[in-house]
Amino acid sequence: MKRVLDEWRNSLLDMGGRNRLLNFRHTRTSTLEVTSPGVGALLADLAKGWEFAPVLQADTEDDRAAAADRRTRPGLVTQKTTQASLESALYQLRQKSGQMYNDYGLWVLWLGVGMLDWCEAEAHESSAAPLVLVPVELRRDSHRRYRLHPADDQERIHNPALAVKLERLGIDWSPVTGTDVADLPAVLSAARSVAGGLKGWSVREQVVLGLFASHREAMYQDLQQNEDQILAHPLVRAAALGPDAGLPDDLIGFEPPDLDLIDEIQLPEKTPLVLDADASQRQCIAAVLDNRSFVMSGPPGTGKSQTITNMIASLMHAGRSVLFVSEKAAALDVVRNRLRNVGLGDFVMALHSGDTSKKAVATELARVLTTEARVTGAATHELERARKLREELSAYAAAMNQVREPLQRTLHDVLGRLVLLEQTGTPSLSLTAENAKAIRALSAGGLLELAAASHAVSRAWRPAAEGEAFPWRGLVGTDAHQVVSEAADALDALLTVTGRRPFTATQGEPRSVREVQQLVRTLEAGLPPEAAPADGTLPDDVSAQLAHARRPLRHAQTRRRRGRFRPV
C-alpha cells in the first residue's frame, strides 16, 4: 500500500528540465523579464498597478538616446525589443491564465522574484528556479493598455517544486521555506546562505512574469503530510489494491434498491429532496444515505448535477458534512448555484480559486455564524395528503401497465393503438349489444384472426365497391392467368386469318367476357363481302379459329355459373 502511495505521489511531479519552476527559460510568447524598475520598487508599488513602458526603436541617434533614457520613464521595461512582440506576449499571458482559472480554478500567472542558479552533481550546465511566486493579473484600461496588478485573494508562496527537488537532493532548504514569504530581503539572504555552501550555486535579484503551475506540488505535500491517515482509509485501500485489499465484501459491494420498490424503501414524503428526482436518481440518494460508496454514471443532460445537489442536501439534513470536489470549476459552480437557489447557500463554503485566501474564508465564516437559519417544513396534514396522492398515482400507473386477459395486453397499449387508428382516419363502428359482448370475450388469438380476416377483406375492397366495372372481377389464382392466355392466343389466330385488326379505329378494346362474346358475333356477321361465301357460311379456317376463340370464353362462363370464380 505504501508503495502504491509513493507511485501516486511521484506521478504528480515533474522533476526534470521541462518544469519551469525548476528550469526557467524564456519563451517567445509566455514569459517576460522585468528589467526595470528593481525588485524593491516593483513590489512596493504593485498595489497601485504598473503600466508597461512602450518599446522604443534605436534606429537613429535620437532614438538611441531615448532608449537609453527608458529607465527614467514610468512603467515596466521588459526584454522585448518591439512593441508588437510585447503586446503579443501580454495578450497570451492574459488569455491563457484567464482560461486556466475559469476551467480549473487555478491561478497560474505569477511574478517569479529572485532566481536560484543551481545544478546537480556532475551536471554540465546549471538551471534557474524562482524563489518566491507573487500572484498577479493583467488588466486592460479604457485605452486598451495592459496594466499589472496583484491578483485578488491570492497569496505569495515559496516555490513548492524547488523545496521538493532540494529535499530529494539531500539539501536542507528549511531556512528558506521557514522565512516569511512577504519579507523578500530575508528570503534572499537565507537562500544565499544555503547556496554559498554549494559549488556553482548562486542567487540573483531577477523578476520574471510567466505561467507557473504549482498545484501538483501542493497535492504532493498533502499526500506526504497525511500519509498515515490515507494509508488507513478503506476506500483508498480498495482503489489501490483492488481485490487484494482484504476488505469485507459488504463494505464496497452492495445491491442498489429495486426501482419498482423505491417508494417503499425510501418514502418520498420523508426524503429531504430539494429538487425533482426520478427512480434511478433516488436510487443514488438512498445509497448515499445508507453510507454506501459507489460510482454514478450517465450521459450529459441526465441530471447528475441535480442528483448531487439532492445528495448533498439529504446528507446535510442527516447532520453530515460533505466535501464536493471536481476537476472543473464549472461543475462546482453549477452545484453551488443550485444549492443557493433552494435556500442552502449559507451552508456552502467554496474552497477553490479566489475564495481560498484567509481573508475570504474568515469573512465568509463570520457571515454564516452570525446568520440565523430558519428551518421550515411541511405540516403533518400536507405530508399525509402528499402520501395519498403518491399512492393514487402509483396505483394508476400500475393499473395502466397491468397485462390483462383475455387480450394479454395492457390498457396503455390498447389506448395507444386506438389513438393510432383514429389518427389514420379509421371509421368508427357502432356496437350492438351482441357485438359488445363478443368483444369483451375477445382473446389474443381471436384478435389475430380478426386482423388476418380484415386484411383479406381489404384486398377485395375495390372489386366489391366497383362491381361489374372492375376489370378483373371473377378472376383469381392460376386459372385466371390460363383463361387470359387462351383468349390472347385465340385473338392472335383471328388476326392471322382475317389479315386485319378486328377493331375499328373508333372501337375500343373489349374489356369483359360479354364484350368479347359480342365481338365474336359481330365478326361472324360482318365479314367483308369478298371474304364471305355465297351460301353465307364462313370459310373452314375462319370457323375453326372462331371455335378456338369461343372455347376459353365458354370455359370462363361455365366456371362462373358454377361459382368457381370469386371476387378478389
Protein backbone atom coordinates (compact mmCIF):
# COMPACT_ATOMS: atom_id res chain seq x y z
CA MET A 1 0.00 0.00 0.00
CA LYS A 2 2.84 2.38 0.82
CA ARG A 3 4.49 1.58 -2.49
CA VAL A 4 1.32 2.44 -4.39
CA LEU A 5 1.01 5.72 -2.50
CA ASP A 6 4.61 6.58 -3.37
CA GLU A 7 3.81 5.94 -7.04
CA TRP A 8 0.81 8.24 -6.83
CA ARG A 9 2.87 10.99 -5.26
CA ASN A 10 5.71 10.70 -7.72
CA SER A 11 3.36 10.73 -10.69
CA LEU A 12 2.25 14.22 -9.69
CA LEU A 13 5.69 15.75 -10.03
CA ASP A 14 7.90 16.59 -12.94
CA MET A 15 11.39 16.98 -11.54
CA GLY A 16 13.01 17.22 -14.98
CA GLY A 17 14.08 20.08 -17.15
CA ARG A 18 10.59 20.71 -18.56
CA ASN A 19 9.32 22.04 -15.24
CA ARG A 20 9.51 25.83 -15.46
CA LEU A 21 9.60 26.10 -11.67
CA LEU A 22 12.93 24.23 -11.67
CA ASN A 23 14.43 25.17 -15.02
CA PHE A 24 13.19 28.57 -16.07
CA ARG A 25 13.84 29.56 -19.68
CA HIS A 26 12.33 32.37 -21.67
CA THR A 27 9.84 31.57 -24.42
CA ARG A 28 8.63 33.78 -27.23
CA THR A 29 5.09 34.44 -26.02
CA SER A 30 4.63 33.14 -22.46
CA THR A 31 7.41 34.80 -20.41
CA LEU A 32 8.64 38.33 -19.78
CA GLU A 33 11.63 39.58 -17.81
CA VAL A 34 11.13 42.88 -15.97
CA THR A 35 14.42 44.74 -16.30
CA SER A 36 13.20 47.98 -14.74
CA PRO A 37 12.37 49.03 -12.05
CA GLY A 38 14.20 46.99 -9.45
CA VAL A 39 12.65 44.29 -7.27
CA GLY A 40 12.00 46.53 -4.28
CA ALA A 41 10.34 49.35 -6.21
CA LEU A 42 8.32 46.94 -8.32
CA LEU A 43 6.78 45.13 -5.34
CA ALA A 44 6.32 48.32 -3.29
CA ASP A 45 4.08 49.95 -5.91
CA LEU A 46 2.45 46.81 -7.27
CA ALA A 47 -0.79 47.52 -5.42
CA LYS A 48 -1.19 50.75 -7.45
CA GLY A 49 -0.79 48.90 -10.72
CA TRP A 50 2.08 49.13 -13.21
CA GLU A 51 1.86 50.13 -16.84
CA PHE A 52 4.23 48.71 -19.41
CA ALA A 53 6.58 51.26 -20.93
CA PRO A 54 6.37 51.47 -24.73
CA VAL A 55 9.20 49.86 -26.64
CA LEU A 56 11.37 52.45 -28.45
CA GLN A 57 13.36 51.53 -31.55
CA ALA A 58 17.02 52.71 -31.59
CA ASP A 59 17.33 53.32 -35.33
CA THR A 60 18.56 56.93 -35.05
CA GLU A 61 20.77 58.85 -32.66
CA ASP A 62 17.74 60.43 -31.02
CA ASP A 63 16.05 57.04 -30.67
CA ARG A 64 19.17 55.58 -29.07
CA ALA A 65 19.21 58.43 -26.59
CA ALA A 66 15.53 57.89 -25.83
CA ALA A 67 16.06 54.17 -25.46
CA ALA A 68 18.92 54.80 -23.06
CA ASP A 69 16.60 57.04 -21.07
CA ARG A 70 13.89 54.39 -20.74
CA ARG A 71 14.78 53.67 -17.12
CA THR A 72 13.61 57.12 -16.07
CA ARG A 73 10.23 56.70 -17.73
CA PRO A 74 7.25 55.41 -15.67
CA GLY A 75 6.27 51.84 -16.49
CA LEU A 76 7.71 48.35 -16.61
CA VAL A 77 10.53 47.71 -19.05
CA THR A 78 10.96 44.18 -20.40
CA GLN A 79 13.43 42.36 -22.62
CA LYS A 80 11.17 42.70 -25.68
CA THR A 81 12.67 44.79 -28.49
CA THR A 82 9.47 45.57 -30.44
CA GLN A 83 6.08 46.81 -29.35
CA ALA A 84 4.36 44.08 -31.34
CA SER A 85 6.22 41.28 -29.53
CA LEU A 86 5.43 42.87 -26.16
CA GLU A 87 1.73 43.18 -26.98
CA SER A 88 1.62 39.58 -28.23
CA ALA A 89 3.22 38.24 -25.05
CA LEU A 90 0.89 40.22 -22.78
CA TYR A 91 -2.14 39.04 -24.75
CA GLN A 92 -1.11 35.37 -24.50
CA LEU A 93 -0.36 35.61 -20.79
CA ARG A 94 -3.72 37.20 -20.05
CA GLN A 95 -5.73 34.79 -22.21
CA LYS A 96 -4.11 31.56 -21.01
CA SER A 97 -4.16 32.48 -17.34
CA GLY A 98 -7.82 33.52 -17.55
CA GLN A 99 -8.79 30.31 -19.31
CA MET A 100 -6.98 28.15 -16.76
CA TYR A 101 -8.69 29.99 -13.92
CA ASN A 102 -12.16 29.67 -15.47
CA ASP A 103 -11.77 25.98 -16.32
CA TYR A 104 -9.91 24.65 -13.30
CA GLY A 105 -9.96 27.42 -10.69
CA LEU A 106 -6.14 27.52 -10.70
CA TRP A 107 -4.11 30.70 -10.66
CA VAL A 108 -1.08 30.33 -12.89
CA LEU A 109 0.09 33.90 -13.61
CA TRP A 110 2.93 34.75 -11.22
CA LEU A 111 5.91 37.00 -10.81
CA GLY A 112 8.96 34.88 -10.14
CA VAL A 113 11.04 37.00 -7.76
CA GLY A 114 14.65 36.10 -7.01
CA MET A 115 16.39 33.41 -9.03
CA LEU A 116 18.43 30.49 -7.72
CA ASP A 117 21.09 29.17 -10.09
CA TRP A 118 21.64 25.55 -9.11
CA CYS A 119 22.95 22.31 -10.59
CA GLU A 120 23.02 18.68 -9.67
CA ALA A 121 26.23 16.83 -9.04
CA GLU A 122 28.23 16.16 -12.21
CA ALA A 123 25.79 18.24 -14.28
CA HIS A 124 27.31 20.07 -17.26
CA GLU A 125 25.05 23.14 -17.03
CA SER A 126 23.08 24.87 -14.30
CA SER A 127 19.36 25.58 -14.03
CA ALA A 128 17.48 28.62 -12.78
CA ALA A 129 14.50 28.45 -10.40
CA PRO A 130 12.45 31.34 -8.96
CA LEU A 131 12.49 31.61 -5.15
CA VAL A 132 9.17 33.35 -4.50
CA LEU A 133 5.95 33.39 -6.53
CA VAL A 134 3.84 36.56 -6.38
CA PRO A 135 0.32 36.24 -7.86
CA VAL A 136 -0.53 38.97 -10.38
CA GLU A 137 -3.10 39.66 -13.07
CA LEU A 138 -3.13 41.65 -16.29
CA ARG A 139 -5.93 44.15 -16.79
CA ARG A 140 -6.77 46.41 -19.72
CA ASP A 141 -7.77 50.02 -19.11
CA SER A 142 -10.14 52.16 -21.16
CA HIS A 143 -7.33 52.89 -23.63
CA ARG A 144 -6.75 49.12 -24.12
CA ARG A 145 -3.37 49.29 -22.43
CA TYR A 146 -2.20 46.48 -20.19
CA ARG A 147 -1.56 47.09 -16.50
CA LEU A 148 -0.04 44.70 -13.96
CA HIS A 149 -1.93 44.34 -10.65
CA PRO A 150 -1.72 41.98 -7.68
CA ALA A 151 -4.24 39.14 -8.01
CA ASP A 152 -7.21 39.48 -5.71
CA ASP A 153 -7.45 36.97 -2.84
CA GLN A 154 -4.21 35.22 -3.82
CA GLU A 155 -1.10 34.99 -1.63
CA ARG A 156 2.62 34.80 -2.18
CA ILE A 157 4.20 31.38 -1.83
CA HIS A 158 7.64 29.81 -1.79
CA ASN A 159 8.49 27.82 -4.90
CA PRO A 160 6.99 24.41 -3.91
CA ALA A 161 8.74 22.43 -6.65
CA LEU A 162 12.14 23.76 -5.57
CA ALA A 163 11.55 22.62 -1.99
CA VAL A 164 10.66 19.08 -3.14
CA LYS A 165 13.62 18.88 -5.52
CA LEU A 166 16.18 20.03 -2.98
CA GLU A 167 14.78 17.65 -0.39
CA ARG A 168 15.39 14.80 -2.82
CA LEU A 169 18.92 16.06 -3.37
CA GLY A 170 19.51 15.95 0.38
CA ILE A 171 19.82 19.72 0.76
CA ASP A 172 18.25 21.40 3.79
CA TRP A 173 16.08 24.13 2.31
CA SER A 174 14.07 24.75 5.51
CA PRO A 175 15.94 28.00 6.34
CA VAL A 176 14.39 29.47 3.20
CA THR A 177 10.89 27.97 3.46
CA GLY A 178 10.78 28.90 7.15
CA THR A 179 11.28 32.58 6.32
CA ASP A 180 8.23 34.84 5.95
CA VAL A 181 7.47 34.92 2.24
CA ALA A 182 6.47 38.60 2.48
CA ASP A 183 9.97 39.55 3.68
CA LEU A 184 11.80 39.28 0.38
CA PRO A 185 15.21 40.53 1.65
CA ALA A 186 15.15 37.85 4.35
CA VAL A 187 14.26 35.16 1.80
CA LEU A 188 17.11 36.22 -0.47
CA SER A 189 19.54 36.27 2.45
CA ALA A 190 18.53 32.77 3.58
CA ALA A 191 18.84 31.45 0.03
CA ARG A 192 22.33 32.93 -0.33
CA SER A 193 23.35 31.25 2.91
CA VAL A 194 22.30 27.84 1.63
CA ALA A 195 23.72 28.40 -1.87
CA GLY A 196 27.04 29.69 -0.50
CA GLY A 197 27.96 26.23 0.71
CA LEU A 198 27.33 24.57 -2.65
CA LYS A 199 29.66 24.72 -5.62
CA GLY A 200 28.28 26.60 -8.63
CA TRP A 201 25.14 27.79 -6.82
CA SER A 202 24.16 31.47 -6.61
CA VAL A 203 21.20 33.82 -6.08
CA ARG A 204 20.23 36.72 -8.36
CA GLU A 205 17.70 39.53 -7.89
CA GLN A 206 15.74 38.87 -11.05
CA VAL A 207 11.99 39.29 -11.75
CA VAL A 208 10.17 37.30 -14.43
CA LEU A 209 6.49 37.19 -15.42
CA GLY A 210 5.18 33.85 -16.61
CA LEU A 211 2.75 30.95 -16.24
CA PHE A 212 3.70 28.69 -13.33
CA ALA A 213 1.51 25.75 -12.30
CA SER A 214 2.20 24.91 -8.67
CA HIS A 215 -0.88 22.89 -7.68
CA ARG A 216 0.69 19.48 -8.22
CA GLU A 217 3.42 20.17 -5.70
CA ALA A 218 0.76 21.21 -3.17
CA MET A 219 -1.02 17.89 -3.73
CA TYR A 220 2.28 16.07 -3.31
CA GLN A 221 2.94 17.71 0.04
CA ASP A 222 -0.62 16.99 1.17
CA LEU A 223 -0.22 13.29 0.38
CA GLN A 224 3.09 13.29 2.22
CA GLN A 225 1.94 15.11 5.33
CA ASN A 226 -1.21 12.96 5.72
CA GLU A 227 0.31 9.62 4.72
CA ASP A 228 -0.78 7.62 7.79
CA GLN A 229 -4.39 8.73 7.55
CA ILE A 230 -4.50 8.00 3.83
CA LEU A 231 -2.99 4.54 4.20
CA ALA A 232 -5.57 3.59 6.84
CA HIS A 233 -8.63 4.60 4.80
CA PRO A 234 -10.56 1.58 3.43
CA LEU A 235 -11.64 3.30 0.22
CA VAL A 236 -8.05 4.26 -0.58
CA ARG A 237 -7.00 0.66 0.03
CA ALA A 238 -9.76 -0.58 -2.27
CA ALA A 239 -8.73 1.83 -5.03
CA ALA A 240 -5.04 0.99 -4.62
CA LEU A 241 -5.11 -2.77 -4.16
CA GLY A 242 -8.43 -3.88 -5.61
CA PRO A 243 -9.36 -7.46 -4.65
CA ASP A 244 -6.13 -7.74 -2.64
CA ALA A 245 -7.25 -5.04 -0.22
CA GLY A 246 -8.67 -7.67 2.15
CA LEU A 247 -11.82 -5.66 2.88
CA PRO A 248 -15.20 -7.18 3.82
CA ASP A 249 -17.43 -7.90 0.84
CA ASP A 250 -20.26 -5.71 2.09
CA LEU A 251 -18.01 -2.68 2.63
CA ILE A 252 -17.80 -1.83 -1.07
CA GLY A 253 -20.17 -4.18 -2.90
CA PHE A 254 -23.92 -3.83 -2.47
CA GLU A 255 -27.14 -4.16 -4.43
CA PRO A 256 -28.93 -0.85 -5.08
CA PRO A 257 -32.63 -0.65 -4.20
CA ASP A 258 -35.01 -2.01 -6.81
CA LEU A 259 -36.53 0.73 -8.95
CA ASP A 260 -40.06 -0.63 -8.55
CA LEU A 261 -39.70 -0.73 -4.75
CA ILE A 262 -38.01 2.63 -4.27
CA ASP A 263 -41.19 4.22 -2.85
CA GLU A 264 -41.38 1.51 -0.20
CA ILE A 265 -37.69 1.66 0.71
CA GLN A 266 -37.44 5.46 0.64
CA LEU A 267 -40.75 7.17 1.33
CA PRO A 268 -40.81 10.34 -0.79
CA GLU A 269 -42.64 12.39 1.84
CA LYS A 270 -39.89 11.58 4.35
CA THR A 271 -36.93 12.08 1.99
CA PRO A 272 -35.44 15.60 2.18
CA LEU A 273 -35.25 16.26 -1.55
CA VAL A 274 -34.80 19.85 -2.69
CA LEU A 275 -35.13 19.13 -6.44
CA ASP A 276 -37.14 16.71 -8.55
CA ALA A 277 -35.78 13.17 -8.79
CA ASP A 278 -36.84 10.07 -10.70
CA ALA A 279 -36.49 6.49 -9.51
CA SER A 280 -32.91 5.98 -10.75
CA GLN A 281 -31.79 9.25 -9.13
CA ARG A 282 -33.45 8.28 -5.87
CA GLN A 283 -31.51 5.02 -6.00
CA CYS A 284 -28.32 7.07 -5.62
CA ILE A 285 -29.79 9.17 -2.81
CA ALA A 286 -30.90 6.06 -0.92
CA ALA A 287 -27.43 4.53 -1.34
CA VAL A 288 -25.61 7.61 -0.07
CA LEU A 289 -27.91 7.88 2.95
CA ASP A 290 -27.08 4.24 3.63
CA ASN A 291 -23.35 5.18 3.75
CA ARG A 292 -22.57 3.30 0.55
CA SER A 293 -19.70 4.11 -1.79
CA PHE A 294 -20.49 3.89 -5.50
CA VAL A 295 -19.93 5.35 -8.95
CA MET A 296 -22.81 7.23 -10.57
CA SER A 297 -22.55 7.46 -14.35
CA GLY A 298 -24.73 8.88 -17.08
CA PRO A 299 -24.52 10.83 -20.35
CA PRO A 300 -24.79 14.64 -20.34
CA GLY A 301 -28.20 16.02 -19.52
CA THR A 302 -29.41 13.08 -17.40
CA GLY A 303 -29.42 15.01 -14.13
CA LYS A 304 -26.10 14.15 -12.45
CA SER A 305 -25.62 17.66 -11.01
CA GLN A 306 -29.24 17.67 -9.89
CA THR A 307 -28.75 14.32 -8.15
CA ILE A 308 -25.54 15.52 -6.48
CA THR A 309 -27.42 18.56 -5.18
CA ASN A 310 -30.11 16.30 -3.72
CA MET A 311 -27.50 14.02 -2.15
CA ILE A 312 -25.70 16.95 -0.51
CA ALA A 313 -28.98 18.34 0.82
CA SER A 314 -30.01 14.91 2.17
CA LEU A 315 -26.67 14.43 3.91
CA MET A 316 -26.88 17.94 5.37
CA HIS A 317 -30.34 17.06 6.70
CA ALA A 318 -28.80 13.98 8.31
CA GLY A 319 -26.18 16.16 10.05
CA ARG A 320 -23.29 15.17 7.82
CA SER A 321 -20.53 17.35 6.33
CA VAL A 322 -19.89 16.99 2.60
CA LEU A 323 -16.78 17.76 0.56
CA PHE A 324 -17.57 18.09 -3.12
CA VAL A 325 -14.53 18.10 -5.43
CA SER A 326 -14.25 18.35 -9.20
CA GLU A 327 -11.52 18.80 -11.77
CA LYS A 328 -13.51 21.54 -13.49
CA ALA A 329 -14.50 24.67 -11.59
CA ALA A 330 -17.68 24.91 -13.70
CA ALA A 331 -19.07 21.72 -12.11
CA LEU A 332 -18.53 23.18 -8.64
CA ASP A 333 -20.28 26.39 -9.60
CA VAL A 334 -23.31 24.54 -11.00
CA VAL A 335 -23.92 22.60 -7.77
CA ARG A 336 -23.22 25.63 -5.58
CA ASN A 337 -25.71 27.73 -7.56
CA ARG A 338 -28.35 25.02 -7.28
CA LEU A 339 -27.92 24.88 -3.51
CA ARG A 340 -28.16 28.65 -3.31
CA ASN A 341 -31.34 28.67 -5.38
CA VAL A 342 -33.08 26.32 -2.92
CA GLY A 343 -32.05 28.41 0.09
CA LEU A 344 -28.99 26.42 1.24
CA GLY A 345 -26.37 28.98 0.23
CA ASP A 346 -25.48 29.81 3.85
CA PHE A 347 -24.39 26.21 4.38
CA VAL A 348 -22.00 26.19 1.42
CA MET A 349 -18.40 27.38 1.50
CA ALA A 350 -16.30 27.46 -1.63
CA LEU A 351 -12.71 26.36 -1.07
CA HIS A 352 -11.27 26.80 -4.54
CA SER A 353 -9.68 29.54 -6.62
CA GLY A 354 -10.09 33.07 -5.34
CA ASP A 355 -12.12 32.03 -2.29
CA THR A 356 -9.20 30.25 -0.62
CA SER A 357 -7.49 33.30 0.90
CA LYS A 358 -7.51 33.61 4.67
CA LYS A 359 -9.42 36.86 4.49
CA ALA A 360 -12.15 35.45 2.25
CA VAL A 361 -12.60 32.34 4.41
CA ALA A 362 -12.71 34.35 7.63
CA THR A 363 -15.24 36.81 6.19
CA GLU A 364 -17.50 34.01 4.98
CA LEU A 365 -17.31 32.18 8.32
CA ALA A 366 -18.19 35.37 10.19
CA ARG A 367 -21.20 35.97 7.95
CA VAL A 368 -22.55 32.44 8.23
CA LEU A 369 -22.02 32.13 12.01
CA THR A 370 -23.90 35.35 12.64
CA THR A 371 -26.80 34.48 10.34
CA GLU A 372 -29.85 32.86 11.89
CA ALA A 373 -31.00 29.81 9.97
CA ARG A 374 -34.77 29.42 9.85
CA VAL A 375 -35.92 25.84 9.45
CA THR A 376 -39.25 25.37 7.69
CA GLY A 377 -41.04 22.25 6.61
CA ALA A 378 -44.37 20.84 5.50
CA ALA A 379 -47.15 20.39 8.04
CA THR A 380 -48.34 16.92 9.05
CA HIS A 381 -51.59 17.17 7.09
CA GLU A 382 -49.65 18.26 3.99
CA LEU A 383 -47.37 15.24 4.25
CA GLU A 384 -50.39 12.97 4.69
CA ARG A 385 -52.06 14.44 1.61
CA ALA A 386 -48.82 14.03 -0.37
CA ARG A 387 -48.69 10.39 0.68
CA LYS A 388 -52.25 9.72 -0.51
CA LEU A 389 -51.64 11.45 -3.81
CA ARG A 390 -48.47 9.41 -4.35
CA GLU A 391 -50.29 6.15 -3.63
CA GLU A 392 -53.09 7.06 -6.03
CA LEU A 393 -50.64 7.97 -8.77
CA SER A 394 -48.64 4.79 -8.23
CA ALA A 395 -51.82 2.69 -8.33
CA TYR A 396 -52.92 4.41 -11.55
CA ALA A 397 -49.53 3.74 -13.19
CA ALA A 398 -49.66 0.09 -12.10
CA ALA A 399 -53.20 -0.32 -13.48
CA MET A 400 -52.28 1.26 -16.79
CA ASN A 401 -49.36 -1.15 -17.25
CA GLN A 402 -51.00 -4.35 -16.00
CA VAL A 403 -51.29 -7.10 -18.63
CA ARG A 404 -54.96 -8.04 -18.79
CA GLU A 405 -56.96 -11.01 -20.00
CA PRO A 406 -58.04 -12.09 -22.49
CA LEU A 407 -56.07 -9.87 -24.92
CA GLN A 408 -52.81 -10.23 -22.99
CA ARG A 409 -52.22 -6.52 -23.46
CA THR A 410 -52.00 -3.51 -21.18
CA LEU A 411 -54.52 -0.70 -21.14
CA HIS A 412 -51.67 1.63 -22.14
CA ASP A 413 -51.05 -0.43 -25.29
CA VAL A 414 -54.75 -0.60 -26.20
CA LEU A 415 -55.28 3.14 -25.79
CA GLY A 416 -52.18 3.86 -27.83
CA ARG A 417 -53.45 1.60 -30.62
CA LEU A 418 -56.83 3.32 -30.61
CA VAL A 419 -55.16 6.70 -30.93
CA LEU A 420 -53.16 5.47 -33.93
CA LEU A 421 -56.33 4.15 -35.57
CA GLU A 422 -58.05 7.48 -35.00
CA GLN A 423 -55.10 9.38 -36.50
CA THR A 424 -55.20 7.24 -39.66
CA GLY A 425 -58.87 8.05 -40.23
CA THR A 426 -60.27 4.60 -39.44
CA PRO A 427 -64.10 4.86 -39.32
CA SER A 428 -65.71 4.05 -36.01
CA LEU A 429 -68.30 1.23 -35.90
CA SER A 430 -71.37 1.24 -33.71
CA LEU A 431 -71.51 -1.82 -31.47
CA THR A 432 -74.64 -3.77 -30.82
CA ALA A 433 -75.16 -5.50 -27.52
CA GLU A 434 -74.23 -8.81 -29.08
CA ASN A 435 -71.04 -7.41 -30.63
CA ALA A 436 -70.08 -5.69 -27.38
CA LYS A 437 -70.47 -8.99 -25.56
CA ALA A 438 -68.28 -10.70 -28.15
CA ILE A 439 -65.60 -8.01 -27.85
CA ARG A 440 -65.43 -8.39 -24.07
CA ALA A 441 -64.68 -12.06 -24.59
CA LEU A 442 -62.18 -11.42 -27.38
CA SER A 443 -58.88 -13.25 -26.80
CA ALA A 444 -55.43 -12.52 -28.14
CA GLY A 445 -55.77 -15.37 -30.67
CA GLY A 446 -59.18 -14.20 -31.78
CA LEU A 447 -57.80 -10.69 -32.29
CA LEU A 448 -55.10 -12.07 -34.58
CA GLU A 449 -57.71 -13.97 -36.60
CA LEU A 450 -59.82 -10.83 -36.98
CA ALA A 451 -56.79 -8.88 -38.10
CA ALA A 452 -56.00 -11.51 -40.75
CA ALA A 453 -59.61 -11.53 -41.96
CA SER A 454 -59.69 -7.74 -42.13
CA HIS A 455 -56.52 -7.80 -44.18
CA ALA A 456 -58.10 -10.28 -46.62
CA VAL A 457 -61.23 -8.15 -46.92
CA SER A 458 -59.10 -5.07 -47.61
CA ARG A 459 -57.65 -6.85 -50.64
CA ALA A 460 -61.18 -7.43 -52.07
CA TRP A 461 -62.49 -3.97 -51.25
CA ARG A 462 -62.05 -2.50 -54.76
CA PRO A 463 -63.92 -5.23 -56.72
CA ALA A 464 -66.63 -5.19 -54.09
CA ALA A 465 -67.02 -1.42 -54.44
CA GLU A 466 -66.79 -1.23 -58.27
CA GLY A 467 -68.91 -4.30 -59.05
CA GLU A 468 -69.14 -5.27 -62.72
CA ALA A 469 -66.94 -2.32 -63.72
CA PHE A 470 -63.90 -3.91 -62.09
CA PRO A 471 -61.78 -5.28 -64.99
CA TRP A 472 -60.63 -8.46 -63.27
CA ARG A 473 -63.77 -9.32 -61.36
CA GLY A 474 -64.28 -13.07 -61.19
CA LEU A 475 -60.64 -13.95 -61.84
CA VAL A 476 -58.43 -15.48 -59.15
CA GLY A 477 -55.42 -17.72 -58.85
CA THR A 478 -53.67 -19.55 -61.71
CA ASP A 479 -56.97 -20.27 -63.59
CA ALA A 480 -57.35 -16.57 -64.36
CA HIS A 481 -53.93 -16.43 -65.98
CA GLN A 482 -54.74 -19.54 -68.04
CA VAL A 483 -58.03 -18.07 -69.33
CA VAL A 484 -56.38 -14.79 -70.29
CA SER A 485 -53.57 -16.64 -72.05
CA GLU A 486 -56.02 -18.78 -74.08
CA ALA A 487 -58.04 -15.70 -75.03
CA ALA A 488 -54.91 -13.93 -76.23
CA ASP A 489 -53.90 -16.93 -78.35
CA ALA A 490 -57.36 -17.04 -79.95
CA LEU A 491 -57.25 -13.34 -80.72
CA ASP A 492 -53.87 -13.74 -82.40
CA ALA A 493 -55.31 -16.55 -84.52
CA LEU A 494 -58.19 -14.32 -85.61
CA LEU A 495 -55.79 -11.58 -86.61
CA THR A 496 -53.82 -14.09 -88.66
CA VAL A 497 -56.89 -15.40 -90.50
CA THR A 498 -58.64 -12.13 -91.21
CA GLY A 499 -55.44 -10.33 -92.05
CA ARG A 500 -56.52 -7.15 -90.33
CA ARG A 501 -57.20 -5.75 -86.89
CA PRO A 502 -60.74 -6.78 -85.86
CA PHE A 503 -61.35 -3.43 -84.12
CA THR A 504 -62.12 -0.23 -85.91
CA ALA A 505 -60.30 2.98 -85.14
CA THR A 506 -63.34 4.22 -83.22
CA GLN A 507 -63.94 0.97 -81.37
CA GLY A 508 -62.11 0.26 -78.16
CA GLU A 509 -60.59 -2.98 -76.95
CA PRO A 510 -63.08 -5.44 -75.31
CA ARG A 511 -62.98 -5.08 -71.51
CA SER A 512 -65.09 -8.03 -70.38
CA VAL A 513 -66.16 -11.55 -71.34
CA ARG A 514 -69.51 -10.19 -72.51
CA GLU A 515 -67.81 -7.68 -74.82
CA VAL A 516 -65.61 -10.42 -76.30
CA GLN A 517 -68.70 -12.56 -76.99
CA GLN A 518 -70.37 -9.63 -78.71
CA LEU A 519 -67.22 -9.04 -80.74
CA VAL A 520 -67.22 -12.67 -81.94
CA ARG A 521 -70.85 -12.40 -83.07
CA THR A 522 -70.04 -9.20 -84.92
CA LEU A 523 -67.17 -10.83 -86.73
CA GLU A 524 -69.39 -13.76 -87.73
CA ALA A 525 -72.00 -11.45 -89.23
CA GLY A 526 -69.82 -8.62 -90.56
CA LEU A 527 -67.05 -10.14 -92.66
CA PRO A 528 -66.07 -8.18 -95.80
CA PRO A 529 -68.10 -9.12 -98.94
CA GLU A 530 -65.12 -10.52 -100.78
CA ALA A 531 -64.38 -12.90 -97.89
CA ALA A 532 -67.99 -14.14 -97.42
CA PRO A 533 -69.13 -17.23 -99.38
CA ALA A 534 -72.29 -17.20 -101.48
CA ASP A 535 -74.16 -19.60 -99.19
CA GLY A 536 -73.45 -17.33 -96.18
CA THR A 537 -71.18 -19.82 -94.43
CA LEU A 538 -67.72 -18.99 -93.15
CA PRO A 539 -64.59 -20.48 -94.56
CA ASP A 540 -63.37 -23.55 -92.73
CA ASP A 541 -60.20 -21.90 -91.40
CA VAL A 542 -62.14 -18.91 -90.05
CA SER A 543 -64.77 -21.13 -88.46
CA ALA A 544 -62.05 -23.18 -86.80
CA GLN A 545 -60.37 -20.10 -85.36
CA LEU A 546 -63.69 -18.71 -84.11
CA ALA A 547 -64.43 -22.02 -82.45
CA HIS A 548 -60.99 -21.92 -80.86
CA ALA A 549 -61.70 -18.37 -79.59
CA ARG A 550 -65.06 -19.43 -78.14
CA ARG A 551 -63.57 -22.24 -76.02
CA PRO A 552 -61.89 -20.08 -73.33
CA LEU A 553 -64.96 -17.83 -73.25
CA ARG A 554 -67.32 -20.77 -72.74
CA HIS A 555 -64.90 -22.19 -70.19
CA ALA A 556 -64.95 -18.92 -68.22
CA GLN A 557 -68.76 -18.71 -68.35
CA THR A 558 -69.12 -22.29 -67.14
CA ARG A 559 -66.78 -21.73 -64.17
CA ARG A 560 -68.57 -18.53 -63.27
CA ARG A 561 -72.01 -20.23 -63.32
CA ARG A 562 -70.68 -22.97 -61.07
CA GLY A 563 -69.37 -20.42 -58.60
CA ARG A 564 -65.73 -21.37 -59.04
CA PHE A 565 -64.67 -17.73 -59.62
CA ARG A 566 -64.76 -15.37 -56.68
CA PRO A 567 -64.02 -11.66 -56.41
CA VAL A 568 -60.51 -10.61 -55.38
